[in-house]
N, C-alpha and C. Protein backbone atom coordinates (compact mmCIF):
# COMPACT_ATOMS: atom_id res chain seq x y z
N MET A 1 35.30 -11.52 121.02
CA MET A 1 34.51 -10.52 119.22
C MET A 1 36.05 -9.93 118.79
N ARG A 2 37.03 -9.08 119.73
CA ARG A 2 37.88 -8.47 118.85
C ARG A 2 38.72 -9.16 117.96
N LYS A 3 38.89 -10.55 118.42
CA LYS A 3 40.12 -11.52 117.00
C LYS A 3 38.93 -11.98 116.37
N THR A 4 37.88 -12.33 116.96
CA THR A 4 36.70 -12.43 114.95
C THR A 4 36.75 -11.16 114.30
N LEU A 5 36.75 -9.97 114.19
CA LEU A 5 36.71 -9.02 114.00
C LEU A 5 37.56 -8.56 113.19
N ASP A 6 38.86 -8.61 113.66
CA ASP A 6 40.74 -8.20 113.25
C ASP A 6 40.27 -9.03 112.39
N ALA A 7 40.20 -10.41 112.74
CA ALA A 7 40.53 -11.69 110.98
C ALA A 7 39.54 -11.40 109.89
N LEU A 8 38.12 -11.22 110.42
CA LEU A 8 37.36 -10.69 109.03
C LEU A 8 38.20 -9.35 108.65
N TYR A 9 38.31 -8.35 109.10
CA TYR A 9 39.26 -7.25 108.17
C TYR A 9 40.31 -7.84 107.23
N LEU A 10 41.20 -8.53 108.29
CA LEU A 10 42.61 -8.85 107.56
C LEU A 10 42.20 -9.69 106.33
N GLY A 11 41.33 -10.94 106.73
CA GLY A 11 41.14 -11.65 105.98
C GLY A 11 40.49 -11.51 104.41
N ALA A 12 39.91 -10.33 104.38
CA ALA A 12 39.40 -9.49 103.38
C ALA A 12 40.55 -8.54 103.14
N GLY A 13 41.56 -8.20 103.90
CA GLY A 13 42.41 -7.39 102.75
C GLY A 13 43.18 -8.33 102.42
N TRP A 14 43.26 -9.86 102.70
CA TRP A 14 44.10 -10.97 102.08
C TRP A 14 43.46 -11.26 100.78
N LEU A 15 41.74 -11.17 100.20
CA LEU A 15 41.53 -12.05 99.53
C LEU A 15 41.71 -10.16 98.30
N ALA A 16 41.51 -9.21 99.18
CA ALA A 16 41.84 -7.62 97.64
C ALA A 16 43.17 -8.57 97.36
N ALA A 17 44.04 -8.52 98.05
CA ALA A 17 45.46 -8.67 97.84
C ALA A 17 45.27 -10.01 96.48
N LEU A 18 44.71 -11.25 97.13
CA LEU A 18 44.91 -12.19 95.93
C LEU A 18 44.41 -11.61 94.55
N PHE A 19 42.92 -10.80 94.91
CA PHE A 19 42.55 -10.24 93.51
C PHE A 19 42.98 -9.37 92.71
N MET A 20 44.40 -8.80 93.72
CA MET A 20 45.11 -7.49 92.56
C MET A 20 45.57 -8.60 91.63
N ILE A 21 46.35 -9.62 92.55
CA ILE A 21 47.38 -10.59 91.89
C ILE A 21 46.37 -10.87 90.62
N GLY A 22 44.66 -11.53 91.00
CA GLY A 22 44.37 -11.55 89.66
C GLY A 22 44.44 -11.07 88.85
N VAL A 23 44.58 -9.35 88.81
CA VAL A 23 44.60 -8.86 87.83
C VAL A 23 45.99 -8.74 87.64
N LEU A 24 46.67 -8.66 87.70
CA LEU A 24 48.20 -8.85 87.35
C LEU A 24 47.95 -10.20 86.36
N VAL A 25 48.06 -11.04 86.79
CA VAL A 25 47.70 -12.67 85.92
C VAL A 25 47.03 -12.18 84.73
N MET A 26 45.99 -11.64 84.39
CA MET A 26 44.66 -11.47 83.70
C MET A 26 45.04 -10.43 82.64
N VAL A 27 45.91 -9.36 82.89
CA VAL A 27 47.13 -8.57 82.03
C VAL A 27 47.99 -9.01 81.88
N LEU A 28 48.81 -10.04 82.52
CA LEU A 28 49.95 -10.98 81.78
C LEU A 28 49.26 -11.85 80.84
N LEU A 29 48.48 -12.41 80.66
CA LEU A 29 47.90 -13.35 80.17
C LEU A 29 47.19 -12.88 79.09
N SER A 30 46.79 -11.77 78.90
CA SER A 30 46.39 -10.88 77.70
C SER A 30 47.03 -10.67 76.82
N ILE A 31 48.60 -10.04 77.77
CA ILE A 31 49.75 -9.47 77.05
C ILE A 31 50.29 -10.70 75.95
N VAL A 32 50.60 -11.79 77.12
CA VAL A 32 51.09 -12.82 76.46
C VAL A 32 50.66 -13.49 74.98
N SER A 33 49.54 -13.75 75.68
CA SER A 33 48.68 -14.01 73.91
C SER A 33 48.55 -13.46 73.20
N ARG A 34 48.45 -11.97 73.28
CA ARG A 34 48.43 -11.34 71.93
C ARG A 34 49.92 -11.54 71.01
N LEU A 35 50.93 -11.05 71.80
CA LEU A 35 52.80 -11.92 72.00
C LEU A 35 52.99 -13.21 70.49
N ALA A 36 51.94 -14.03 71.80
CA ALA A 36 52.04 -15.30 70.94
C ALA A 36 51.34 -15.80 69.57
N GLY A 37 49.97 -14.78 69.09
CA GLY A 37 49.03 -15.35 68.51
C GLY A 37 48.49 -15.33 68.99
N PHE A 38 47.75 -15.62 69.79
CA PHE A 38 46.57 -16.32 70.27
C PHE A 38 45.27 -15.58 71.20
N TYR A 39 44.28 -16.14 71.35
CA TYR A 39 43.35 -15.27 72.06
C TYR A 39 42.88 -15.96 73.14
N VAL A 40 42.49 -15.37 74.10
CA VAL A 40 42.02 -16.10 75.06
C VAL A 40 41.20 -14.64 75.84
N PRO A 41 40.04 -15.19 75.54
CA PRO A 41 38.65 -14.31 75.62
C PRO A 41 38.12 -14.20 77.17
N GLY A 42 38.28 -12.83 77.59
CA GLY A 42 37.23 -12.52 78.54
C GLY A 42 38.69 -12.02 80.14
N THR A 43 39.71 -12.23 79.46
CA THR A 43 40.88 -11.63 80.25
C THR A 43 40.70 -9.82 80.53
N ASP A 44 40.16 -8.86 79.44
CA ASP A 44 39.63 -7.71 79.92
C ASP A 44 38.74 -8.19 80.84
N ALA A 45 37.79 -8.04 80.58
CA ALA A 45 36.55 -8.49 81.92
C ALA A 45 37.08 -8.96 82.77
N TYR A 46 37.48 -10.08 82.93
CA TYR A 46 37.71 -10.81 84.30
C TYR A 46 38.92 -9.96 85.24
N ALA A 47 39.52 -9.28 84.30
CA ALA A 47 40.30 -8.28 85.13
C ALA A 47 39.76 -6.79 85.72
N GLY A 48 38.73 -6.74 85.13
CA GLY A 48 38.05 -5.92 85.56
C GLY A 48 37.33 -6.30 87.07
N TYR A 49 36.65 -7.62 87.17
CA TYR A 49 36.20 -7.96 88.01
C TYR A 49 37.12 -7.95 89.49
N ALA A 50 37.96 -8.88 88.97
CA ALA A 50 39.08 -8.97 90.27
C ALA A 50 39.42 -7.44 90.66
N MET A 51 39.61 -6.46 89.76
CA MET A 51 40.05 -4.92 90.33
C MET A 51 38.93 -4.42 91.41
N ALA A 52 37.51 -4.86 91.25
CA ALA A 52 36.64 -4.09 91.59
C ALA A 52 36.45 -5.08 92.90
N GLY A 53 36.62 -6.27 92.48
CA GLY A 53 36.33 -6.79 93.75
C GLY A 53 37.86 -6.96 95.14
N ALA A 54 38.93 -6.61 94.00
CA ALA A 54 40.12 -5.71 95.10
C ALA A 54 39.77 -4.33 95.84
N GLY A 55 38.74 -3.90 95.17
CA GLY A 55 39.03 -2.73 95.27
C GLY A 55 37.55 -2.89 96.61
N PHE A 56 36.93 -3.15 96.66
CA PHE A 56 35.55 -3.14 97.53
C PHE A 56 35.79 -4.23 98.56
N LEU A 57 36.69 -5.21 98.62
CA LEU A 57 37.08 -6.21 99.40
C LEU A 57 38.26 -5.57 100.83
N ALA A 58 39.21 -4.64 99.88
CA ALA A 58 40.46 -3.88 100.67
C ALA A 58 40.20 -2.89 102.00
N LEU A 59 38.21 -2.30 101.75
CA LEU A 59 37.78 -0.65 102.32
C LEU A 59 38.18 -0.84 104.25
N ALA A 60 37.50 -2.29 104.27
CA ALA A 60 37.68 -2.51 105.35
C ALA A 60 38.82 -2.44 106.40
N HIS A 61 39.73 -3.22 105.65
CA HIS A 61 40.58 -3.63 106.36
C HIS A 61 41.94 -2.28 106.48
N THR A 62 41.44 -0.87 104.68
CA THR A 62 42.10 0.06 104.94
C THR A 62 41.84 0.81 106.38
N LEU A 63 40.39 0.99 106.40
CA LEU A 63 39.73 1.61 107.26
C LEU A 63 40.44 0.85 109.08
N LYS A 64 40.42 -0.02 109.20
CA LYS A 64 40.87 -0.47 109.97
C LYS A 64 42.42 -0.28 110.44
N GLN A 65 43.51 0.38 109.33
CA GLN A 65 44.77 0.13 109.57
C GLN A 65 44.99 1.63 109.50
N ASN A 66 44.04 2.50 109.60
CA ASN A 66 44.16 4.20 109.35
C ASN A 66 44.54 4.60 107.90
N GLU A 67 44.36 3.91 107.14
CA GLU A 67 45.08 4.18 106.08
C GLU A 67 43.85 4.88 104.91
N HIS A 68 42.92 5.23 105.43
CA HIS A 68 41.66 6.24 104.43
C HIS A 68 42.11 7.27 104.44
N ILE A 69 42.32 8.67 103.46
CA ILE A 69 42.20 9.41 103.18
C ILE A 69 41.29 10.45 104.40
N ARG A 70 41.80 11.10 105.26
CA ARG A 70 40.42 12.02 106.36
C ARG A 70 40.50 13.19 106.21
N VAL A 71 39.90 14.19 105.60
CA VAL A 71 39.98 15.73 105.76
C VAL A 71 39.39 15.73 107.17
N THR A 72 40.54 16.46 107.75
CA THR A 72 40.38 16.95 109.24
C THR A 72 40.65 18.69 109.37
N LEU A 73 39.57 19.54 108.40
CA LEU A 73 40.03 20.59 108.34
C LEU A 73 39.78 21.44 109.79
N ILE A 74 38.18 20.63 109.90
CA ILE A 74 37.20 20.97 110.53
C ILE A 74 37.36 20.09 112.35
N ILE A 75 37.11 19.05 112.36
CA ILE A 75 37.53 17.76 113.32
C ILE A 75 38.95 18.30 114.06
N GLY A 76 40.24 18.81 113.46
CA GLY A 76 41.47 18.52 113.92
C GLY A 76 41.48 20.10 114.16
N LYS A 77 40.88 21.18 114.74
CA LYS A 77 40.32 21.92 115.68
C LYS A 77 39.46 21.57 116.72
N LEU A 78 39.04 21.03 117.03
CA LEU A 78 37.88 20.50 117.92
C LEU A 78 38.82 19.59 118.65
N THR A 79 38.51 19.89 119.91
CA THR A 79 38.88 19.09 121.25
C THR A 79 37.54 18.47 122.36
N GLY A 80 38.62 17.86 123.12
CA GLY A 80 37.52 17.75 124.44
C GLY A 80 35.83 16.63 123.80
N GLY A 81 34.64 17.01 124.27
CA GLY A 81 33.89 16.34 123.69
C GLY A 81 32.95 16.81 122.41
N ALA A 82 33.45 18.19 121.87
CA ALA A 82 33.31 18.87 120.80
C ALA A 82 33.86 17.95 119.53
N ARG A 83 35.24 17.26 119.80
CA ARG A 83 35.43 16.69 118.53
C ARG A 83 34.94 15.20 119.13
N ARG A 84 34.77 14.76 120.21
CA ARG A 84 34.09 13.09 119.69
C ARG A 84 32.62 13.11 119.81
N GLY A 85 31.77 14.24 119.89
CA GLY A 85 31.61 14.01 119.29
C GLY A 85 30.58 14.61 118.01
N MET A 86 31.49 15.52 116.87
CA MET A 86 32.07 15.60 115.52
C MET A 86 32.37 14.04 115.58
N GLU A 87 33.26 12.77 115.67
CA GLU A 87 33.09 11.91 115.52
C GLU A 87 32.03 10.74 115.23
N LEU A 88 31.46 10.84 116.35
CA LEU A 88 30.20 10.38 116.25
C LEU A 88 29.47 10.34 115.54
N TRP A 89 28.84 11.98 115.21
CA TRP A 89 28.09 11.85 114.22
C TRP A 89 28.83 11.58 112.66
N ALA A 90 30.04 12.20 112.29
CA ALA A 90 30.79 11.99 110.93
C ALA A 90 30.83 9.75 110.98
N LEU A 91 30.89 9.08 112.11
CA LEU A 91 30.79 7.77 112.34
C LEU A 91 29.23 7.25 111.73
N SER A 92 28.31 8.07 111.88
CA SER A 92 27.11 7.65 111.86
C SER A 92 26.53 7.67 110.86
N VAL A 93 27.05 8.93 110.07
CA VAL A 93 26.51 9.42 108.74
C VAL A 93 27.10 8.00 108.01
N ALA A 94 28.74 8.40 108.16
CA ALA A 94 29.34 7.03 107.34
C ALA A 94 28.63 5.51 107.58
N VAL A 95 27.94 4.96 108.84
CA VAL A 95 27.46 3.72 109.14
C VAL A 95 26.76 4.20 108.41
N LEU A 96 25.62 5.13 107.85
CA LEU A 96 24.25 4.75 107.66
C LEU A 96 24.70 4.70 105.44
N MET A 97 25.83 5.37 105.72
CA MET A 97 25.71 5.45 103.74
C MET A 97 26.29 4.47 103.93
N SER A 98 27.21 3.66 104.52
CA SER A 98 27.85 1.85 104.23
C SER A 98 26.82 1.20 104.31
N GLY A 99 25.64 1.22 105.16
CA GLY A 99 24.51 0.39 105.38
C GLY A 99 23.43 0.46 103.73
N ALA A 100 23.68 1.70 103.45
CA ALA A 100 22.82 1.66 102.30
C ALA A 100 23.46 1.32 101.53
N LEU A 101 24.69 1.90 100.88
CA LEU A 101 25.84 1.04 100.20
C LEU A 101 25.53 -0.39 99.48
N ALA A 102 25.94 -1.19 101.09
CA ALA A 102 26.03 -2.75 100.96
C ALA A 102 24.68 -3.28 101.16
N TRP A 103 22.98 -2.71 101.66
CA TRP A 103 22.06 -2.75 100.81
C TRP A 103 21.42 -2.55 99.86
N PHE A 104 22.25 -2.03 98.82
CA PHE A 104 22.07 -2.15 97.40
C PHE A 104 22.94 -2.58 96.41
N SER A 105 24.27 -2.93 97.46
CA SER A 105 24.84 -3.71 96.50
C SER A 105 24.16 -5.53 96.41
N TRP A 106 23.82 -5.71 97.73
CA TRP A 106 22.97 -7.08 97.68
C TRP A 106 22.16 -7.10 96.99
N ARG A 107 21.03 -6.04 97.05
CA ARG A 107 20.24 -6.33 96.18
C ARG A 107 20.89 -5.86 94.41
N LEU A 108 21.30 -5.47 93.46
CA LEU A 108 21.73 -5.56 93.11
C LEU A 108 22.62 -7.18 92.47
N VAL A 109 22.72 -7.03 92.97
CA VAL A 109 23.47 -8.99 93.26
C VAL A 109 22.04 -9.77 92.76
N TRP A 110 21.15 -9.84 93.50
CA TRP A 110 19.84 -10.89 93.63
C TRP A 110 19.07 -10.42 92.07
N GLN A 111 19.27 -8.93 92.01
CA GLN A 111 18.55 -8.60 90.28
C GLN A 111 18.99 -9.20 89.63
N SER A 112 20.70 -9.11 89.75
CA SER A 112 21.05 -9.70 88.31
C SER A 112 21.27 -11.12 88.02
N HIS A 113 20.78 -11.70 89.21
CA HIS A 113 20.55 -13.04 89.63
C HIS A 113 19.07 -13.47 89.12
N GLN A 114 18.46 -12.63 89.52
CA GLN A 114 16.74 -13.03 88.94
C GLN A 114 16.72 -12.58 87.39
N PHE A 115 17.44 -11.79 86.84
CA PHE A 115 17.59 -11.25 85.27
C PHE A 115 18.30 -11.47 84.82
N HIS A 116 19.05 -12.69 85.00
CA HIS A 116 19.86 -13.96 84.15
C HIS A 116 20.73 -13.09 83.94
N ASP A 117 21.06 -11.83 84.01
CA ASP A 117 22.30 -10.69 83.59
C ASP A 117 23.52 -11.41 83.27
N ILE A 118 23.68 -11.09 82.34
CA ILE A 118 25.23 -11.80 82.06
C ILE A 118 26.06 -10.75 81.23
N SER A 119 27.35 -10.81 81.22
CA SER A 119 28.43 -10.20 80.72
C SER A 119 28.09 -9.79 78.90
N THR A 120 28.39 -9.21 78.99
CA THR A 120 28.68 -8.45 77.34
C THR A 120 29.96 -8.75 76.52
N ALA A 121 31.07 -8.91 77.39
CA ALA A 121 32.30 -9.20 76.66
C ALA A 121 31.65 -11.14 76.27
N PRO A 122 32.87 -11.56 75.35
CA PRO A 122 32.55 -12.97 74.80
C PRO A 122 32.53 -14.28 76.03
N ASP A 123 32.56 -14.07 77.09
CA ASP A 123 32.84 -14.78 78.52
C ASP A 123 31.37 -15.46 79.02
N ALA A 124 30.53 -14.08 78.77
CA ALA A 124 29.44 -14.56 79.07
C ALA A 124 28.58 -14.34 80.57
N THR A 125 29.49 -14.25 81.42
CA THR A 125 29.69 -14.27 82.73
C THR A 125 28.22 -13.89 83.30
N PRO A 126 27.68 -14.56 84.37
CA PRO A 126 26.97 -14.51 85.20
C PRO A 126 27.52 -13.46 86.20
N LEU A 127 26.82 -11.88 85.61
CA LEU A 127 27.33 -10.26 86.51
C LEU A 127 27.12 -10.62 87.91
N TRP A 128 26.00 -11.73 88.47
CA TRP A 128 25.72 -11.53 89.82
C TRP A 128 26.57 -12.33 90.86
N ILE A 129 27.78 -12.94 89.63
CA ILE A 129 28.94 -13.78 90.46
C ILE A 129 30.08 -12.46 90.77
N PRO A 130 30.83 -11.66 90.13
CA PRO A 130 31.32 -11.16 90.44
C PRO A 130 30.93 -9.62 91.08
N GLN A 131 29.73 -9.28 91.04
CA GLN A 131 28.79 -8.59 92.21
C GLN A 131 28.98 -8.99 93.32
N ILE A 132 28.72 -10.31 93.67
CA ILE A 132 29.00 -10.76 94.54
C ILE A 132 30.18 -10.62 95.63
N LEU A 133 31.65 -10.28 95.38
CA LEU A 133 32.76 -9.63 95.59
C LEU A 133 32.06 -7.73 96.13
N MET A 134 31.21 -7.10 95.44
CA MET A 134 31.30 -5.86 95.58
C MET A 134 29.86 -5.60 97.03
N GLY A 135 29.06 -7.13 97.24
CA GLY A 135 28.56 -7.51 98.16
C GLY A 135 29.20 -7.41 100.05
N LEU A 136 30.35 -8.30 99.47
CA LEU A 136 30.81 -8.68 100.33
C LEU A 136 31.95 -7.59 101.12
N GLY A 137 32.60 -6.41 99.98
CA GLY A 137 33.48 -5.64 100.73
C GLY A 137 32.63 -4.80 101.29
N CYS A 138 31.13 -4.50 100.97
CA CYS A 138 30.78 -3.05 101.30
C CYS A 138 29.90 -3.24 103.28
N THR A 139 29.52 -5.54 102.95
CA THR A 139 29.14 -5.07 104.42
C THR A 139 30.72 -5.65 105.46
N VAL A 140 31.66 -5.42 104.76
CA VAL A 140 32.63 -5.84 105.59
C VAL A 140 32.96 -4.59 106.05
N LEU A 141 32.38 -3.43 105.41
CA LEU A 141 33.14 -1.82 105.27
C LEU A 141 31.95 -1.74 106.98
N LEU A 142 30.80 -1.74 106.89
CA LEU A 142 29.47 -1.38 107.07
C LEU A 142 30.14 -1.71 108.71
N VAL A 143 30.34 -3.56 108.65
CA VAL A 143 30.74 -3.85 109.61
C VAL A 143 32.07 -3.31 110.21
N ALA A 144 32.81 -2.91 110.16
CA ALA A 144 33.85 -2.20 110.26
C ALA A 144 33.31 -0.70 110.85
N LEU A 145 33.13 0.08 110.16
CA LEU A 145 32.61 1.12 110.65
C LEU A 145 31.48 1.40 111.79
N ILE A 146 30.56 -0.11 112.15
CA ILE A 146 30.08 0.15 113.04
C ILE A 146 31.26 -0.09 114.34
N ASP A 147 31.92 -1.27 114.18
CA ASP A 147 33.16 -1.23 115.31
C ASP A 147 33.95 0.21 115.72
N GLU A 148 33.84 0.83 114.28
CA GLU A 148 34.36 1.87 115.10
C GLU A 148 33.50 2.77 115.76
N TRP A 149 32.51 2.85 115.53
CA TRP A 149 31.19 4.05 116.28
C TRP A 149 30.96 3.37 118.08
N VAL A 150 31.02 2.05 117.50
CA VAL A 150 31.15 1.58 119.36
C VAL A 150 32.22 1.50 119.57
N LEU A 151 33.25 1.87 119.23
CA LEU A 151 34.88 1.70 120.21
C LEU A 151 34.97 3.42 120.28
N GLU A 152 34.46 4.57 119.56
CA GLU A 152 34.32 5.46 119.73
C GLU A 152 33.36 5.96 120.76
N LEU A 153 32.72 5.73 121.35
CA LEU A 153 31.40 5.59 121.67
C LEU A 153 31.56 5.49 123.10
N GLN A 154 32.80 4.54 123.54
CA GLN A 154 33.40 3.77 124.53
C GLN A 154 34.61 4.29 124.73
N GLY A 155 34.88 5.29 123.77
CA GLY A 155 36.35 5.89 124.49
C GLY A 155 37.55 5.39 123.95
N GLN A 156 37.84 3.89 123.19
CA GLN A 156 38.11 3.73 122.69
C GLN A 156 39.23 2.90 121.70
N ARG A 157 38.82 4.17 120.81
CA ARG A 157 39.43 4.32 119.65
C ARG A 157 40.44 4.50 119.72
N LEU A 158 40.99 3.84 118.45
CA LEU A 158 42.40 4.63 118.64
C LEU A 158 42.74 5.77 117.15
N ARG A 159 43.87 6.49 117.63
CA ARG A 159 44.07 7.76 117.00
C ARG A 159 45.36 7.75 116.11
N THR A 160 45.57 8.09 115.57
CA THR A 160 46.53 7.97 114.59
C THR A 160 47.13 9.19 115.10
N GLU A 161 49.48 9.06 114.72
CA GLU A 161 49.55 10.30 115.48
C GLU A 161 49.46 11.40 114.69
N ALA A 162 49.02 11.71 113.85
CA ALA A 162 48.53 13.23 113.16
C ALA A 162 47.78 13.38 113.95
N GLU A 163 47.15 12.72 114.53
CA GLU A 163 45.32 12.76 115.07
C GLU A 163 45.69 13.67 116.52
N THR A 164 46.31 13.00 117.01
CA THR A 164 46.51 13.01 118.38
C THR A 164 47.88 14.29 118.40
N ARG A 165 48.39 14.99 117.19
CA ARG A 165 49.54 16.22 117.61
C ARG A 165 47.94 16.87 117.60
N HIS A 166 47.07 17.46 116.83
CA HIS A 166 46.09 18.20 116.73
C HIS A 166 45.36 18.64 118.16
N GLU A 167 45.40 17.00 118.95
CA GLU A 167 44.34 17.42 120.47
C GLU A 167 45.73 18.57 121.33
């Protein structure tokens, strides 16, 4: 199971990287097309879709690499059971919030599909297509947070060097 979960997080990270390259390609295409005197419609919209996709898909991978910014003002002063309890409480809240975010992200995808919502840009992209990236990213984040919660409950959650210095 650990290999599957790690592959999921890594895959989401790689997809995020590909979407960042997509942002670069769209911006460069927009610049080059203006300089060459022709117009490629939708480049700004597709750059935005790719940027949103990259941001959401990178969430779980960033969490699992301990690269999220954490404010440890209170938790850094706690030790032992108190610290573990606070970690579990914080992770529980994060699981609930990310679960709600994933639910409403997929609900948005479904509603956009049902209402035939399209982009106002000249490309008229059905919005449910790029919104899928948000739903996927939020769902993988939810899985990663549940994974962290279970690891913390089992006492197997890895700590960063900065976190272990405060214990």
